[in-house]
Protein backbone atom coordinates (compact mmCIF):
# COMPACT_ATOMS: atom_id res chain seq x y z
CA MET A 1 -51.62 -55.39 -112.64
CA LEU A 2 -48.86 -53.87 -110.52
CA PHE A 3 -45.34 -55.08 -109.93
CA GLY A 4 -43.39 -54.88 -106.67
CA LEU A 5 -39.88 -55.68 -105.52
CA GLY A 6 -38.64 -58.62 -103.41
CA GLY A 7 -39.84 -61.43 -105.68
CA TYR A 8 -43.42 -60.19 -106.20
CA ILE A 9 -44.31 -60.77 -109.80
CA THR A 10 -47.25 -59.99 -112.06
CA GLU A 11 -48.60 -61.16 -115.34
CA ARG A 12 -46.96 -60.60 -118.67
CA MET A 13 -45.46 -57.13 -118.70
CA ARG A 14 -42.30 -56.02 -120.37
CA PHE A 15 -39.33 -55.69 -118.05
CA GLY A 16 -39.04 -51.93 -118.46
CA ALA A 17 -42.71 -51.36 -117.70
CA MET A 18 -42.52 -53.54 -114.58
CA MET A 19 -39.49 -51.70 -113.23
CA ALA A 20 -41.15 -48.34 -113.79
CA CYS A 21 -44.27 -49.52 -111.98
CA ALA A 22 -42.18 -50.84 -109.08
CA ALA A 23 -40.40 -47.51 -108.71
CA TRP A 24 -43.76 -45.73 -108.61
CA LEU A 25 -45.07 -48.03 -105.91
CA LEU A 26 -42.04 -47.57 -103.71
CA CYS A 27 -41.72 -43.82 -104.09
CA CYS A 28 -45.23 -42.48 -104.57
CA PRO A 29 -48.20 -42.93 -102.18
CA PRO A 30 -51.58 -43.89 -103.66
CA ALA A 31 -53.55 -40.93 -104.90
CA ASN A 32 -56.84 -42.00 -103.33
CA GLY A 33 -56.00 -42.30 -99.63
CA ALA A 34 -53.99 -44.49 -97.27
CA PRO A 35 -51.98 -47.39 -98.71
CA GLN A 36 -52.88 -51.02 -98.19
CA ASP A 37 -51.97 -52.39 -94.76
CA LEU A 38 -49.27 -54.96 -95.54
CA ALA A 39 -49.84 -56.89 -92.31
CA THR A 40 -53.37 -57.59 -93.54
CA VAL A 41 -52.01 -58.88 -96.85
CA ARG A 42 -49.73 -61.26 -94.99
CA ALA A 43 -52.54 -62.38 -92.66
CA VAL A 44 -54.81 -63.17 -95.62
CA ALA A 45 -52.02 -65.24 -97.22
CA LEU A 46 -51.34 -67.11 -93.96
CA SER A 47 -55.04 -67.88 -93.41
CA PHE A 48 -55.29 -69.26 -96.95
CA VAL A 49 -52.36 -71.66 -96.52
CA GLN A 50 -53.58 -72.71 -93.07
CA ASP A 51 -56.93 -73.62 -94.58
CA ARG A 52 -55.25 -75.66 -97.33
CA MET A 53 -53.23 -77.59 -94.73
CA ARG A 54 -56.07 -78.14 -92.24
CA GLN A 55 -56.53 -81.84 -93.02
CA THR A 56 -52.81 -82.66 -93.08
CA PRO A 57 -51.78 -85.13 -90.34
CA GLY A 58 -49.00 -84.02 -88.02
CA GLU A 59 -47.95 -80.68 -86.58
CA VAL A 60 -48.08 -78.07 -89.36
CA ARG A 61 -45.95 -74.94 -89.12
CA ILE A 62 -46.39 -72.16 -91.67
CA HIS A 63 -44.28 -69.05 -92.12
CA VAL A 64 -45.23 -66.38 -94.65
CA ASN A 65 -42.57 -63.80 -95.50
CA ALA A 66 -43.67 -60.22 -94.91
CA PRO A 67 -44.02 -57.97 -97.97
CA ASP A 68 -41.36 -55.34 -98.57
CA ALA A 69 -42.02 -52.65 -95.95
CA GLN A 70 -41.49 -49.91 -98.55
CA LEU A 71 -44.21 -51.24 -100.81
CA ALA A 72 -47.15 -48.81 -101.16
CA LEU A 73 -50.16 -50.52 -102.69
CA PRO A 74 -53.59 -48.92 -103.14
CA ALA A 75 -55.91 -49.93 -100.31
CA CYS A 76 -58.25 -52.79 -101.18
CA PRO A 77 -61.62 -53.52 -99.54
CA ARG A 78 -61.53 -57.20 -100.52
CA LEU A 79 -58.35 -59.27 -100.71
CA ASN A 80 -58.35 -62.74 -102.28
CA ALA A 81 -55.56 -65.27 -101.76
CA PHE A 82 -54.83 -68.06 -104.24
CA ALA A 83 -52.33 -70.79 -104.98
CA PRO A 84 -50.21 -70.17 -108.09
CA ALA A 85 -50.45 -72.88 -110.74
CA GLY A 86 -48.53 -76.02 -109.82
CA VAL A 87 -47.79 -74.93 -106.26
CA ARG A 88 -47.95 -77.59 -103.54
CA TYR A 89 -47.77 -76.50 -99.91
CA TRP A 90 -45.07 -78.89 -98.81
CA GLY A 91 -41.78 -77.16 -97.98
CA PRO A 92 -40.95 -73.87 -99.76
CA ALA A 93 -43.77 -72.45 -101.88
CA SER A 94 -45.55 -69.20 -102.69
CA VAL A 95 -49.01 -67.75 -102.25
CA GLY A 96 -50.69 -65.01 -104.24
CA VAL A 97 -52.86 -62.19 -102.92
CA ARG A 98 -54.84 -60.08 -105.37
CA CYS A 99 -57.11 -57.07 -105.38
CA GLU A 100 -59.73 -56.89 -108.11
CA SER A 101 -61.19 -53.44 -107.42
CA PRO A 102 -60.98 -50.47 -107.30
CA ASN A 103 -57.28 -50.81 -108.19
CA ALA A 104 -56.23 -54.21 -109.51
CA TRP A 105 -52.93 -55.59 -108.23
CA THR A 106 -51.40 -58.97 -107.43
CA LEU A 107 -48.67 -59.80 -104.94
CA TYR A 108 -46.79 -63.09 -104.41
CA LEU A 109 -45.35 -63.95 -101.00
CA GLN A 110 -42.87 -66.70 -100.17
CA VAL A 111 -44.09 -69.42 -97.80
CA GLN A 112 -42.28 -72.11 -95.83
CA VAL A 113 -44.41 -75.08 -94.72
CA GLN A 114 -43.14 -77.65 -92.25
CA VAL A 115 -45.02 -80.80 -91.27
CA LEU A 116 -43.64 -82.41 -88.13
CA GLY A 117 -44.41 -86.05 -87.46
CA ASP A 118 -42.98 -89.23 -85.98
CA ALA A 119 -40.81 -91.29 -88.28
CA ALA A 120 -38.55 -94.31 -88.04
CA VAL A 121 -34.85 -93.47 -87.76
CA ALA A 122 -31.91 -95.89 -87.88
CA ALA A 123 -30.50 -96.16 -84.35
CA ARG A 124 -27.14 -97.35 -85.68
CA SER A 125 -25.33 -97.83 -88.96
CA LEU A 126 -26.43 -100.92 -90.89
CA SER A 127 -24.90 -102.76 -93.83
CA LYS A 128 -26.61 -104.08 -96.91
CA GLY A 129 -28.56 -107.22 -96.01
CA ASP A 130 -28.85 -106.46 -92.29
CA ILE A 131 -32.24 -107.30 -90.78
CA PHE A 132 -33.77 -104.62 -88.58
CA ALA A 133 -34.31 -105.61 -84.95
CA ALA A 134 -36.19 -103.52 -82.39
CA ALA A 135 -32.91 -102.05 -81.12
CA ASP A 136 -31.98 -100.86 -84.62
CA VAL A 137 -34.83 -98.37 -85.00
CA GLN A 138 -36.08 -95.45 -82.93
CA VAL A 139 -38.84 -92.87 -83.15
CA GLN A 140 -37.86 -89.31 -83.94
CA ARG A 141 -39.89 -86.20 -84.71
CA VAL A 142 -38.83 -84.92 -88.11
CA ASP A 143 -39.91 -82.46 -90.78
CA LEU A 144 -41.68 -84.76 -93.22
CA THR A 145 -41.35 -82.18 -96.02
CA GLN A 146 -37.62 -82.92 -96.10
CA ILE A 147 -38.11 -86.51 -97.28
CA PRO A 148 -40.04 -87.76 -100.32
CA ARG A 149 -43.75 -87.57 -99.57
CA GLY A 150 -45.35 -90.88 -98.71
CA THR A 151 -42.07 -92.73 -98.14
CA ALA A 152 -41.77 -92.39 -94.36
CA VAL A 153 -42.39 -95.60 -92.45
CA LEU A 154 -43.58 -96.23 -88.91
CA PRO A 155 -41.04 -97.79 -86.52
CA GLU A 156 -43.14 -100.91 -85.88
CA ALA A 157 -43.29 -101.56 -89.64
CA VAL A 158 -39.49 -101.71 -89.94
CA ILE A 159 -38.84 -104.66 -87.63
CA GLY A 160 -37.84 -107.70 -89.67
CA LEU A 161 -37.19 -105.78 -92.88
CA VAL A 162 -33.84 -105.86 -94.66
CA ALA A 163 -31.57 -102.95 -95.57
CA LYS A 164 -31.23 -102.72 -99.36
CA GLY A 165 -27.92 -100.91 -98.95
CA PRO A 166 -25.74 -99.27 -96.28
CA ILE A 167 -27.74 -97.01 -93.93
CA ALA A 168 -26.01 -94.52 -91.65
CA GLY A 169 -27.14 -94.10 -88.06
CA GLY A 170 -29.63 -91.26 -87.68
CA THR A 171 -31.03 -91.66 -91.21
CA VAL A 172 -34.78 -91.22 -91.55
CA LEU A 173 -35.94 -94.53 -93.00
CA SER A 174 -38.07 -94.62 -96.13
CA ALA A 175 -39.72 -97.49 -97.96
CA ASN A 176 -37.22 -97.43 -100.82
CA MET A 177 -34.37 -98.26 -98.40
CA LEU A 178 -35.98 -101.47 -97.21
CA ARG A 179 -37.21 -104.79 -98.50
CA GLY A 180 -39.04 -107.72 -96.98
CA PRO A 181 -37.28 -110.53 -95.12
CA PRO A 182 -35.82 -113.32 -97.26
CA LEU A 183 -38.33 -116.10 -97.95
CA VAL A 184 -35.92 -118.11 -100.08
CA SER A 185 -32.25 -118.64 -99.24
CA GLN A 186 -29.38 -119.51 -101.56
CA GLY A 187 -28.93 -123.29 -101.80
CA GLU A 188 -32.35 -124.00 -100.32
CA ALA A 189 -34.67 -126.65 -101.73
CA VAL A 190 -37.77 -124.91 -103.03
CA ARG A 191 -41.13 -125.74 -104.52
CA LEU A 192 -41.02 -124.68 -108.16
CA ALA A 193 -44.48 -123.86 -109.53
CA TYR A 194 -45.23 -123.47 -113.25
CA VAL A 195 -48.34 -121.55 -114.28
CA GLY A 196 -49.57 -121.14 -117.84
CA ASP A 197 -52.76 -120.90 -119.84
CA GLY A 198 -55.05 -123.45 -118.24
CA PHE A 199 -52.44 -125.41 -116.32
CA GLU A 200 -50.41 -125.34 -113.12
CA ILE A 201 -47.77 -127.87 -112.14
CA SER A 202 -45.08 -127.97 -109.49
CA THR A 203 -41.82 -129.77 -108.89
CA ASP A 204 -38.77 -129.50 -106.69
CA GLY A 205 -35.92 -127.14 -107.42
CA ARG A 206 -32.92 -125.55 -105.76
CA ALA A 207 -32.48 -121.82 -105.27
CA LEU A 208 -29.22 -120.45 -106.63
CA THR A 209 -29.94 -117.00 -105.18
CA GLY A 210 -32.03 -115.79 -102.27
CA GLY A 211 -34.86 -113.28 -102.29
CA ALA A 212 -37.83 -111.68 -100.54
CA MET A 213 -41.50 -111.62 -101.50
CA GLY A 214 -41.93 -110.50 -105.10
CA GLU A 215 -38.22 -110.60 -105.94
CA PHE A 216 -36.69 -112.64 -108.75
CA VAL A 217 -34.37 -115.53 -107.95
CA SER A 218 -32.45 -118.06 -110.02
CA VAL A 219 -33.60 -121.65 -109.54
CA LYS A 220 -32.20 -124.90 -110.91
CA ALA A 221 -34.91 -127.27 -112.13
CA PRO A 222 -34.58 -131.10 -111.92
CA SER A 223 -33.58 -131.08 -115.59
CA GLY A 224 -30.57 -128.92 -114.72
CA ARG A 225 -32.03 -125.91 -116.48
CA VAL A 226 -31.64 -122.58 -114.62
CA LEU A 227 -34.88 -120.60 -114.48
CA ARG A 228 -35.82 -117.10 -113.38
CA ALA A 229 -38.65 -117.29 -110.86
CA THR A 230 -40.58 -115.00 -108.53
CA VAL A 231 -40.72 -115.58 -104.78
CA VAL A 232 -44.38 -115.97 -103.81
CA SER A 233 -44.14 -117.43 -100.30
CA LYS A 234 -41.75 -119.11 -97.90
CA GLY A 235 -39.82 -121.70 -99.92
CA THR A 236 -42.01 -121.34 -103.03
CA VAL A 237 -41.18 -119.70 -106.34
CA LEU A 238 -43.28 -119.19 -109.45
CA VAL A 239 -42.39 -119.47 -113.12
CA ARG A 240 -44.85 -118.06 -115.65
């Protein structure tokens, strides 16, 4: 394996040996003819990442950094690109290009992947507990790699949801910032359902706190006992 400058790394070689090899590559042309065309190396790397991203929804933009122009690698008749272990092409990453024969070498190039798509953005600043109306959300084209993958929400899905905390205007909205609309309000009379092994009963209660679907609320039972219950529908809570 050979070692080059500019962040190109190889497999386990001692530091001194790698630096000596790098100096040779930069200063000495290959003994068996013209050096490897570096534009071809870059093109092979770009084609590999493009193929990996082909099924990704949205507009995909890929930039592969060019190899160091001073690098003189032995020409290779067959270049193979590969993804280093653990690499995910979502934002900054790297791609490897290797030659197996007649002179084995491996090069790693830095890659920047952008995925542009429509996302919901807060049209104004909202406070904790505010309910999103149509005027509070707008569509904006953003780089989805800059927010946690899978958390972006569509604008139409935001209407009626509640801000879990303060949200500044212009913020790209993600699922963890939002919760469902309140189905139980503080002080409201609720149906209190008890479910156990082989039985289910219900009675009236009063909510001491409000909550959305799936959230826990405090409810006072007719006996005066305060229970922790889960909101399961409008005006109904469940105790297990």
